Amino acid sequence: MAVVHGKNLDHKVVAIALENETKSVDVAIDNDVVEKTAAGDAAKEYLQGVYGWTMDADYNWDALGTSGNDAVIFGILTSGEQNVQVVPGGGTVSSNNPIYKGNAILKSYSVHVPIDGGVACKASYQGSGVLNRYISGTYYEVIWLLCMARIWAILL
């Protein structure tokens, strides 16, 4: 088993790197479970339904131009589904360092302004559709391909 430190994580929202000010990212997957126990059963029984997922991130607040996390996150407030992703160990994706990514809707965004500390913010993304888990390829190559596809779409 490989243990990975989170200090090198890669985290992007709409293909914009936010990891420089990211403090933590949580990916949660939740299955629907329906009880199907009947009177003659010796123990409870259940059926598995479909799953849903969320991605929550805590950041040091950054209002730098259009690339700071405040501008990026606030900018997708009414934009519907957007791509979110995290590579827990950063860099090259592998079986010991997968990338989790999918389309999600910004569910909530909050800014915490303490009188005695640094300004922080938190975003909660509600997954919409499949959460992908890839174990091969390089994280930066995936983003590069997405950027090139957008450029070609603009040029054509």
N, C-alpha and C. Protein backbone atom coordinates (compact mmCIF):
# COMPACT_ATOMS: atom_id res chain seq x y z
N MET A 1 0.84 -1.18 0.00
CA MET A 1 0.00 0.00 0.00
C MET A 1 0.88 1.24 0.00
N ALA A 2 0.55 2.18 -0.85
CA ALA A 2 1.29 3.43 -0.90
C ALA A 2 0.55 4.50 -0.10
N VAL A 3 1.26 5.14 0.79
CA VAL A 3 0.69 6.24 1.56
C VAL A 3 1.14 7.53 0.88
N VAL A 4 0.19 8.42 0.63
CA VAL A 4 0.47 9.65 -0.11
C VAL A 4 0.19 10.84 0.78
N HIS A 5 1.08 11.79 0.80
CA HIS A 5 0.88 13.03 1.54
C HIS A 5 0.10 14.00 0.67
N GLY A 6 -0.84 14.71 1.23
CA GLY A 6 -1.68 15.62 0.47
C GLY A 6 -1.04 16.94 0.11
N LYS A 7 0.18 17.21 0.58
CA LYS A 7 0.81 18.52 0.35
C LYS A 7 1.05 18.82 -1.12
N ASN A 8 1.07 17.79 -1.97
CA ASN A 8 1.32 18.00 -3.40
C ASN A 8 0.06 17.89 -4.25
N LEU A 9 -1.11 17.91 -3.64
CA LEU A 9 -2.35 17.69 -4.39
C LEU A 9 -2.47 18.65 -5.57
N ASP A 10 -3.16 18.18 -6.59
CA ASP A 10 -3.54 19.02 -7.73
C ASP A 10 -5.05 19.13 -7.70
N HIS A 11 -5.57 20.34 -7.84
CA HIS A 11 -7.02 20.56 -7.78
C HIS A 11 -7.36 21.63 -8.80
N LYS A 12 -8.31 21.31 -9.66
CA LYS A 12 -8.74 22.26 -10.68
C LYS A 12 -10.25 22.37 -10.69
N VAL A 13 -10.72 23.57 -11.00
CA VAL A 13 -12.13 23.85 -11.23
C VAL A 13 -12.19 24.55 -12.58
N VAL A 14 -13.03 24.10 -13.46
CA VAL A 14 -13.11 24.59 -14.85
C VAL A 14 -11.72 24.76 -15.46
N ALA A 15 -10.88 23.75 -15.28
CA ALA A 15 -9.53 23.68 -15.85
C ALA A 15 -8.59 24.77 -15.34
N ILE A 16 -8.92 25.43 -14.23
CA ILE A 16 -8.05 26.44 -13.63
C ILE A 16 -7.48 25.87 -12.34
N ALA A 17 -6.16 25.88 -12.25
CA ALA A 17 -5.47 25.32 -11.08
C ALA A 17 -5.74 26.18 -9.85
N LEU A 18 -6.24 25.53 -8.80
CA LEU A 18 -6.51 26.23 -7.54
C LEU A 18 -5.67 25.68 -6.40
N GLU A 19 -4.79 24.72 -6.68
CA GLU A 19 -4.08 24.04 -5.59
C GLU A 19 -3.15 24.93 -4.78
N ASN A 20 -2.67 26.04 -5.33
CA ASN A 20 -1.75 26.89 -4.57
C ASN A 20 -2.38 27.44 -3.29
N GLU A 21 -3.69 27.60 -3.27
CA GLU A 21 -4.36 28.10 -2.08
C GLU A 21 -5.34 27.07 -1.49
N THR A 22 -5.26 25.82 -1.96
CA THR A 22 -6.15 24.77 -1.46
C THR A 22 -5.61 24.19 -0.17
N LYS A 23 -6.45 24.14 0.86
CA LYS A 23 -6.06 23.56 2.14
C LYS A 23 -6.49 22.10 2.25
N SER A 24 -7.63 21.76 1.67
CA SER A 24 -8.09 20.36 1.67
C SER A 24 -9.19 20.18 0.64
N VAL A 25 -9.31 18.94 0.16
CA VAL A 25 -10.39 18.55 -0.75
C VAL A 25 -10.96 17.24 -0.25
N ASP A 26 -12.27 17.18 -0.12
CA ASP A 26 -12.96 15.95 0.28
C ASP A 26 -13.84 15.49 -0.87
N VAL A 27 -13.69 14.22 -1.25
CA VAL A 27 -14.56 13.60 -2.24
C VAL A 27 -15.40 12.57 -1.49
N ALA A 28 -16.71 12.68 -1.58
CA ALA A 28 -17.60 11.76 -0.87
C ALA A 28 -18.56 11.11 -1.87
N ILE A 29 -18.68 9.80 -1.76
CA ILE A 29 -19.59 9.03 -2.61
C ILE A 29 -20.62 8.37 -1.71
N ASP A 30 -21.88 8.48 -2.11
CA ASP A 30 -22.96 7.98 -1.27
C ASP A 30 -23.90 7.14 -2.12
N ASN A 31 -24.08 5.86 -1.76
CA ASN A 31 -25.02 4.98 -2.45
C ASN A 31 -26.41 5.10 -1.86
N ASP A 32 -27.42 5.10 -2.72
CA ASP A 32 -28.79 4.95 -2.23
C ASP A 32 -28.97 3.50 -1.81
N VAL A 33 -29.54 3.31 -0.65
CA VAL A 33 -29.79 1.96 -0.13
C VAL A 33 -31.24 1.91 0.33
N VAL A 34 -31.97 0.92 -0.17
CA VAL A 34 -33.39 0.79 0.15
C VAL A 34 -33.59 -0.52 0.92
N GLU A 35 -34.27 -0.41 2.03
CA GLU A 35 -34.54 -1.62 2.81
C GLU A 35 -35.61 -2.46 2.12
N LYS A 36 -35.40 -3.78 2.09
CA LYS A 36 -36.37 -4.69 1.49
C LYS A 36 -36.74 -5.82 2.44
N THR A 37 -36.53 -5.63 3.73
CA THR A 37 -36.80 -6.64 4.73
C THR A 37 -38.28 -7.02 4.74
N ALA A 38 -38.52 -8.32 4.83
CA ALA A 38 -39.90 -8.84 4.91
C ALA A 38 -40.08 -9.54 6.25
N ALA A 39 -41.31 -9.83 6.60
CA ALA A 39 -41.63 -10.42 7.90
C ALA A 39 -40.89 -11.73 8.17
N GLY A 40 -40.64 -12.56 7.16
CA GLY A 40 -39.99 -13.85 7.37
C GLY A 40 -38.47 -13.81 7.38
N ASP A 41 -37.87 -12.65 7.18
CA ASP A 41 -36.40 -12.56 7.15
C ASP A 41 -35.82 -12.61 8.55
N ALA A 42 -34.65 -13.25 8.67
CA ALA A 42 -33.96 -13.36 9.96
C ALA A 42 -33.18 -12.08 10.28
N ALA A 43 -32.84 -11.33 9.26
CA ALA A 43 -32.08 -10.09 9.44
C ALA A 43 -32.52 -9.09 8.36
N LYS A 44 -32.18 -7.85 8.54
CA LYS A 44 -32.55 -6.83 7.57
C LYS A 44 -31.83 -7.09 6.24
N GLU A 45 -32.52 -6.78 5.13
CA GLU A 45 -31.95 -6.91 3.79
C GLU A 45 -32.15 -5.59 3.05
N TYR A 46 -31.21 -5.32 2.11
CA TYR A 46 -31.22 -4.05 1.41
C TYR A 46 -30.95 -4.24 -0.08
N LEU A 47 -31.36 -3.23 -0.85
CA LEU A 47 -31.06 -3.16 -2.28
C LEU A 47 -30.20 -1.92 -2.52
N GLN A 48 -29.23 -2.08 -3.39
CA GLN A 48 -28.38 -0.95 -3.74
C GLN A 48 -29.00 -0.19 -4.89
N GLY A 49 -29.04 1.13 -4.77
CA GLY A 49 -29.54 1.99 -5.83
C GLY A 49 -28.37 2.64 -6.56
N VAL A 50 -28.57 3.86 -7.02
CA VAL A 50 -27.51 4.59 -7.71
C VAL A 50 -26.73 5.43 -6.72
N TYR A 51 -25.54 5.85 -7.13
CA TYR A 51 -24.72 6.66 -6.22
C TYR A 51 -24.73 8.12 -6.64
N GLY A 52 -24.37 8.94 -5.71
CA GLY A 52 -24.16 10.35 -5.95
C GLY A 52 -22.83 10.73 -5.33
N TRP A 53 -22.32 11.89 -5.66
CA TRP A 53 -21.03 12.29 -5.10
C TRP A 53 -20.96 13.80 -4.93
N THR A 54 -20.07 14.19 -4.04
CA THR A 54 -19.79 15.61 -3.81
C THR A 54 -18.29 15.81 -3.71
N MET A 55 -17.86 17.02 -3.95
CA MET A 55 -16.47 17.42 -3.73
C MET A 55 -16.52 18.72 -2.96
N ASP A 56 -15.90 18.74 -1.80
CA ASP A 56 -15.84 19.95 -0.97
C ASP A 56 -14.39 20.37 -0.85
N ALA A 57 -14.14 21.66 -0.92
CA ALA A 57 -12.77 22.15 -0.83
C ALA A 57 -12.69 23.36 0.10
N ASP A 58 -11.64 23.39 0.89
CA ASP A 58 -11.32 24.52 1.75
C ASP A 58 -10.10 25.23 1.17
N TYR A 59 -10.17 26.55 1.11
CA TYR A 59 -9.11 27.34 0.49
C TYR A 59 -8.68 28.49 1.39
N ASN A 60 -7.45 28.95 1.20
CA ASN A 60 -7.08 30.29 1.64
C ASN A 60 -7.69 31.21 0.59
N TRP A 61 -8.41 32.22 1.02
CA TRP A 61 -9.11 33.11 0.10
C TRP A 61 -8.12 33.86 -0.76
N ASP A 62 -8.35 33.90 -2.07
CA ASP A 62 -7.45 34.56 -3.02
C ASP A 62 -8.30 35.29 -4.05
N ALA A 63 -8.23 36.61 -4.05
CA ALA A 63 -9.02 37.43 -4.99
C ALA A 63 -8.18 37.94 -6.15
N LEU A 64 -7.05 37.30 -6.43
CA LEU A 64 -6.14 37.74 -7.49
C LEU A 64 -6.79 37.67 -8.87
N GLY A 65 -7.04 38.80 -9.47
CA GLY A 65 -7.53 38.89 -10.85
C GLY A 65 -8.63 37.90 -11.18
N THR A 66 -8.47 37.24 -12.33
CA THR A 66 -9.46 36.27 -12.77
C THR A 66 -9.07 34.84 -12.43
N SER A 67 -7.86 34.64 -11.92
CA SER A 67 -7.40 33.27 -11.63
C SER A 67 -7.42 32.93 -10.14
N GLY A 68 -7.71 33.89 -9.29
CA GLY A 68 -7.83 33.60 -7.86
C GLY A 68 -9.06 32.76 -7.59
N ASN A 69 -9.02 31.97 -6.53
CA ASN A 69 -10.14 31.07 -6.28
C ASN A 69 -11.47 31.80 -6.08
N ASP A 70 -11.44 32.99 -5.51
CA ASP A 70 -12.68 33.73 -5.33
C ASP A 70 -13.32 34.06 -6.68
N ALA A 71 -12.53 34.54 -7.63
CA ALA A 71 -13.06 34.89 -8.96
C ALA A 71 -13.52 33.65 -9.71
N VAL A 72 -12.75 32.57 -9.64
CA VAL A 72 -13.10 31.34 -10.36
C VAL A 72 -14.39 30.75 -9.81
N ILE A 73 -14.46 30.59 -8.50
CA ILE A 73 -15.62 29.95 -7.89
C ILE A 73 -16.86 30.84 -8.00
N PHE A 74 -16.72 32.12 -7.69
CA PHE A 74 -17.86 33.03 -7.80
C PHE A 74 -18.34 33.11 -9.25
N GLY A 75 -17.40 32.98 -10.19
CA GLY A 75 -17.72 33.04 -11.61
C GLY A 75 -18.58 31.89 -12.11
N ILE A 76 -18.58 30.76 -11.41
CA ILE A 76 -19.40 29.62 -11.86
C ILE A 76 -20.69 29.49 -11.06
N LEU A 77 -20.99 30.48 -10.25
CA LEU A 77 -22.16 30.44 -9.38
C LEU A 77 -23.45 30.10 -10.13
N THR A 78 -23.64 30.65 -11.30
CA THR A 78 -24.86 30.39 -12.08
C THR A 78 -24.57 29.73 -13.42
N SER A 79 -23.43 29.03 -13.50
CA SER A 79 -22.99 28.46 -14.78
C SER A 79 -23.37 27.00 -14.99
N GLY A 80 -24.14 26.42 -14.11
CA GLY A 80 -24.52 25.02 -14.28
C GLY A 80 -23.35 24.08 -14.03
N GLU A 81 -23.35 22.95 -14.73
CA GLU A 81 -22.32 21.94 -14.51
C GLU A 81 -20.95 22.41 -15.00
N GLN A 82 -19.94 22.18 -14.17
CA GLN A 82 -18.56 22.51 -14.51
C GLN A 82 -17.68 21.34 -14.09
N ASN A 83 -16.52 21.21 -14.73
CA ASN A 83 -15.60 20.13 -14.39
C ASN A 83 -14.82 20.46 -13.13
N VAL A 84 -14.78 19.51 -12.20
CA VAL A 84 -13.96 19.62 -10.99
C VAL A 84 -13.13 18.36 -10.88
N GLN A 85 -11.93 18.50 -10.34
CA GLN A 85 -11.06 17.33 -10.24
C GLN A 85 -9.99 17.51 -9.18
N VAL A 86 -9.49 16.37 -8.70
CA VAL A 86 -8.42 16.37 -7.73
C VAL A 86 -7.54 15.15 -7.96
N VAL A 87 -6.23 15.35 -7.84
CA VAL A 87 -5.25 14.27 -7.80
C VAL A 87 -4.63 14.35 -6.41
N PRO A 88 -4.97 13.42 -5.52
CA PRO A 88 -4.52 13.53 -4.13
C PRO A 88 -3.02 13.71 -3.94
N GLY A 89 -2.21 12.99 -4.71
CA GLY A 89 -0.76 13.10 -4.56
C GLY A 89 -0.10 14.06 -5.53
N GLY A 90 -0.88 14.65 -6.43
CA GLY A 90 -0.36 15.58 -7.43
C GLY A 90 0.43 14.88 -8.52
N GLY A 91 0.68 15.61 -9.61
CA GLY A 91 1.54 15.12 -10.69
C GLY A 91 0.99 13.95 -11.47
N THR A 92 1.82 12.93 -11.67
CA THR A 92 1.47 11.81 -12.53
C THR A 92 0.41 10.91 -11.90
N VAL A 93 -0.60 10.64 -12.68
CA VAL A 93 -1.69 9.77 -12.25
C VAL A 93 -1.24 8.32 -12.38
N SER A 94 -1.52 7.51 -11.35
CA SER A 94 -1.13 6.10 -11.37
C SER A 94 -2.11 5.31 -10.51
N SER A 95 -1.90 4.00 -10.42
CA SER A 95 -2.77 3.18 -9.60
C SER A 95 -2.66 3.56 -8.12
N ASN A 96 -1.55 4.17 -7.73
CA ASN A 96 -1.37 4.64 -6.36
C ASN A 96 -1.74 6.11 -6.19
N ASN A 97 -2.12 6.77 -7.29
CA ASN A 97 -2.39 8.20 -7.26
C ASN A 97 -3.44 8.54 -8.33
N PRO A 98 -4.70 8.12 -8.13
CA PRO A 98 -5.72 8.34 -9.16
C PRO A 98 -6.17 9.79 -9.23
N ILE A 99 -6.81 10.12 -10.33
CA ILE A 99 -7.48 11.41 -10.48
C ILE A 99 -8.97 11.15 -10.36
N TYR A 100 -9.64 11.97 -9.56
CA TYR A 100 -11.10 11.92 -9.42
C TYR A 100 -11.63 13.15 -10.12
N LYS A 101 -12.51 12.95 -11.11
CA LYS A 101 -13.03 14.12 -11.82
C LYS A 101 -14.42 13.85 -12.37
N GLY A 102 -15.17 14.91 -12.51
CA GLY A 102 -16.51 14.82 -13.06
C GLY A 102 -17.13 16.20 -13.15
N ASN A 103 -18.33 16.23 -13.66
CA ASN A 103 -19.06 17.49 -13.75
C ASN A 103 -19.88 17.69 -12.49
N ALA A 104 -19.89 18.91 -12.03
CA ALA A 104 -20.60 19.22 -10.78
C ALA A 104 -21.17 20.63 -10.85
N ILE A 105 -22.14 20.86 -10.00
CA ILE A 105 -22.76 22.18 -9.87
C ILE A 105 -22.29 22.77 -8.55
N LEU A 106 -21.90 24.03 -8.57
CA LEU A 106 -21.52 24.71 -7.33
C LEU A 106 -22.76 24.78 -6.44
N LYS A 107 -22.71 24.07 -5.33
CA LYS A 107 -23.86 24.02 -4.41
C LYS A 107 -23.80 25.14 -3.39
N SER A 108 -22.60 25.42 -2.89
CA SER A 108 -22.47 26.51 -1.92
C SER A 108 -21.05 27.06 -1.95
N TYR A 109 -20.95 28.32 -1.58
CA TYR A 109 -19.66 29.00 -1.49
C TYR A 109 -19.74 29.96 -0.32
N SER A 110 -18.75 29.88 0.56
CA SER A 110 -18.74 30.78 1.71
C SER A 110 -17.34 31.35 1.91
N VAL A 111 -17.30 32.57 2.43
CA VAL A 111 -16.05 33.26 2.74
C VAL A 111 -16.05 33.50 4.24
N HIS A 112 -14.98 33.07 4.91
CA HIS A 112 -14.84 33.23 6.36
C HIS A 112 -13.81 34.32 6.62
N VAL A 113 -14.23 35.41 7.29
CA VAL A 113 -13.35 36.56 7.55
C VAL A 113 -13.18 36.72 9.05
N PRO A 114 -12.18 36.07 9.63
CA PRO A 114 -11.97 36.21 11.07
C PRO A 114 -11.20 37.48 11.40
N ILE A 115 -11.42 38.02 12.56
CA ILE A 115 -10.69 39.22 12.98
C ILE A 115 -9.26 38.88 13.38
N ASP A 116 -9.03 37.61 13.71
CA ASP A 116 -7.71 37.22 14.24
C ASP A 116 -7.00 36.18 13.38
N GLY A 117 -7.28 36.15 12.08
CA GLY A 117 -6.63 35.15 11.25
C GLY A 117 -6.81 35.44 9.77
N GLY A 118 -6.31 34.53 8.97
CA GLY A 118 -6.39 34.68 7.52
C GLY A 118 -7.80 34.43 6.99
N VAL A 119 -8.14 35.13 5.93
CA VAL A 119 -9.43 34.94 5.28
C VAL A 119 -9.40 33.60 4.56
N ALA A 120 -10.49 32.85 4.67
CA ALA A 120 -10.59 31.53 4.06
C ALA A 120 -11.92 31.44 3.32
N CYS A 121 -12.02 30.47 2.43
CA CYS A 121 -13.29 30.22 1.75
C CYS A 121 -13.48 28.73 1.56
N LYS A 122 -14.72 28.36 1.32
CA LYS A 122 -15.07 26.95 1.16
C LYS A 122 -16.08 26.84 0.04
N ALA A 123 -15.91 25.81 -0.80
CA ALA A 123 -16.86 25.55 -1.87
C ALA A 123 -17.32 24.10 -1.79
N SER A 124 -18.59 23.91 -2.07
CA SER A 124 -19.17 22.58 -2.10
C SER A 124 -19.75 22.35 -3.49
N TYR A 125 -19.28 21.29 -4.14
CA TYR A 125 -19.70 20.96 -5.49
C TYR A 125 -20.55 19.70 -5.46
N GLN A 126 -21.75 19.76 -6.03
CA GLN A 126 -22.64 18.60 -6.10
C GLN A 126 -22.42 17.91 -7.44
N GLY A 127 -21.91 16.67 -7.40
CA GLY A 127 -21.68 15.93 -8.63
C GLY A 127 -22.96 15.73 -9.42
N SER A 128 -22.84 15.78 -10.74
CA SER A 128 -23.97 15.56 -11.63
C SER A 128 -23.52 14.52 -12.66
N GLY A 129 -23.96 13.30 -12.49
CA GLY A 129 -23.51 12.23 -13.37
C GLY A 129 -22.38 11.45 -12.72
N VAL A 130 -21.59 10.82 -13.55
CA VAL A 130 -20.55 9.89 -13.12
C VAL A 130 -19.35 10.63 -12.53
N LEU A 131 -18.80 10.08 -11.45
CA LEU A 131 -17.50 10.51 -10.94
C LEU A 131 -16.48 9.55 -11.53
N ASN A 132 -15.56 10.07 -12.33
CA ASN A 132 -14.54 9.23 -12.96
C ASN A 132 -13.32 9.10 -12.07
N ARG A 133 -12.73 7.91 -12.09
CA ARG A 133 -11.49 7.65 -11.35
C ARG A 133 -10.52 7.02 -12.34
N TYR A 134 -9.52 7.79 -12.75
CA TYR A 134 -8.54 7.32 -13.71
C TYR A 134 -7.23 7.00 -12.99
N ILE A 135 -6.56 5.94 -13.46
CA ILE A 135 -5.30 5.52 -12.83
C ILE A 135 -4.13 5.51 -13.80
N SER A 136 -4.29 6.15 -14.96
CA SER A 136 -3.17 6.26 -15.89
C SER A 136 -3.23 7.61 -16.59
N GLY A 137 -2.09 8.02 -17.11
CA GLY A 137 -1.99 9.31 -17.76
C GLY A 137 -1.41 10.35 -16.82
N THR A 138 -1.02 11.45 -17.37
CA THR A 138 -0.47 12.54 -16.57
C THR A 138 -1.53 13.61 -16.42
N TYR A 139 -1.71 14.06 -15.22
CA TYR A 139 -2.71 15.07 -14.89
C TYR A 139 -2.61 16.28 -15.82
N TYR A 140 -1.41 16.77 -16.01
CA TYR A 140 -1.23 17.97 -16.82
C TYR A 140 -1.54 17.71 -18.28
N GLU A 141 -1.31 16.48 -18.77
CA GLU A 141 -1.66 16.15 -20.15
C GLU A 141 -3.17 16.18 -20.34
N VAL A 142 -3.92 15.71 -19.36
CA VAL A 142 -5.38 15.73 -19.44
C VAL A 142 -5.86 17.17 -19.58
N ILE A 143 -5.35 18.06 -18.75
CA ILE A 143 -5.74 19.47 -18.80
C ILE A 143 -5.31 20.10 -20.11
N TRP A 144 -4.10 19.77 -20.58
CA TRP A 144 -3.60 20.31 -21.84
C TRP A 144 -4.52 19.92 -22.98
N LEU A 145 -4.96 18.67 -23.02
CA LEU A 145 -5.85 18.21 -24.07
C LEU A 145 -7.18 18.95 -24.03
N LEU A 146 -7.71 19.19 -22.82
CA LEU A 146 -8.96 19.93 -22.70
C LEU A 146 -8.79 21.37 -23.21
N CYS A 147 -7.67 21.99 -22.87
CA CYS A 147 -7.41 23.36 -23.33
C CYS A 147 -7.27 23.41 -24.85
N MET A 148 -6.56 22.43 -25.43
CA MET A 148 -6.39 22.40 -26.88
C MET A 148 -7.74 22.20 -27.57
N ALA A 149 -8.60 21.36 -26.99
CA ALA A 149 -9.92 21.14 -27.58
C ALA A 149 -10.73 22.44 -27.57
N ARG A 150 -10.62 23.22 -26.49
CA ARG A 150 -11.33 24.50 -26.42
C ARG A 150 -10.79 25.49 -27.45
N ILE A 151 -9.46 25.50 -27.62
CA ILE A 151 -8.85 26.40 -28.60
C ILE A 151 -9.31 26.04 -30.00
N TRP A 152 -9.29 24.75 -30.34
CA TRP A 152 -9.73 24.31 -31.66
C TRP A 152 -11.19 24.66 -31.88
N ALA A 153 -12.02 24.52 -30.85
CA ALA A 153 -13.44 24.85 -30.99
C ALA A 153 -13.62 26.33 -31.29
N ILE A 154 -12.80 27.17 -30.68
CA ILE A 154 -12.87 28.61 -30.93
C ILE A 154 -12.41 28.94 -32.34
N LEU A 155 -11.31 28.29 -32.76
CA LEU A 155 -10.75 28.57 -34.09
C LEU A 155 -11.65 28.09 -35.21
N LEU A 156 -12.36 27.02 -34.98
CA LEU A 156 -13.23 26.47 -36.03
C LEU A 156 -14.53 27.20 -35.97
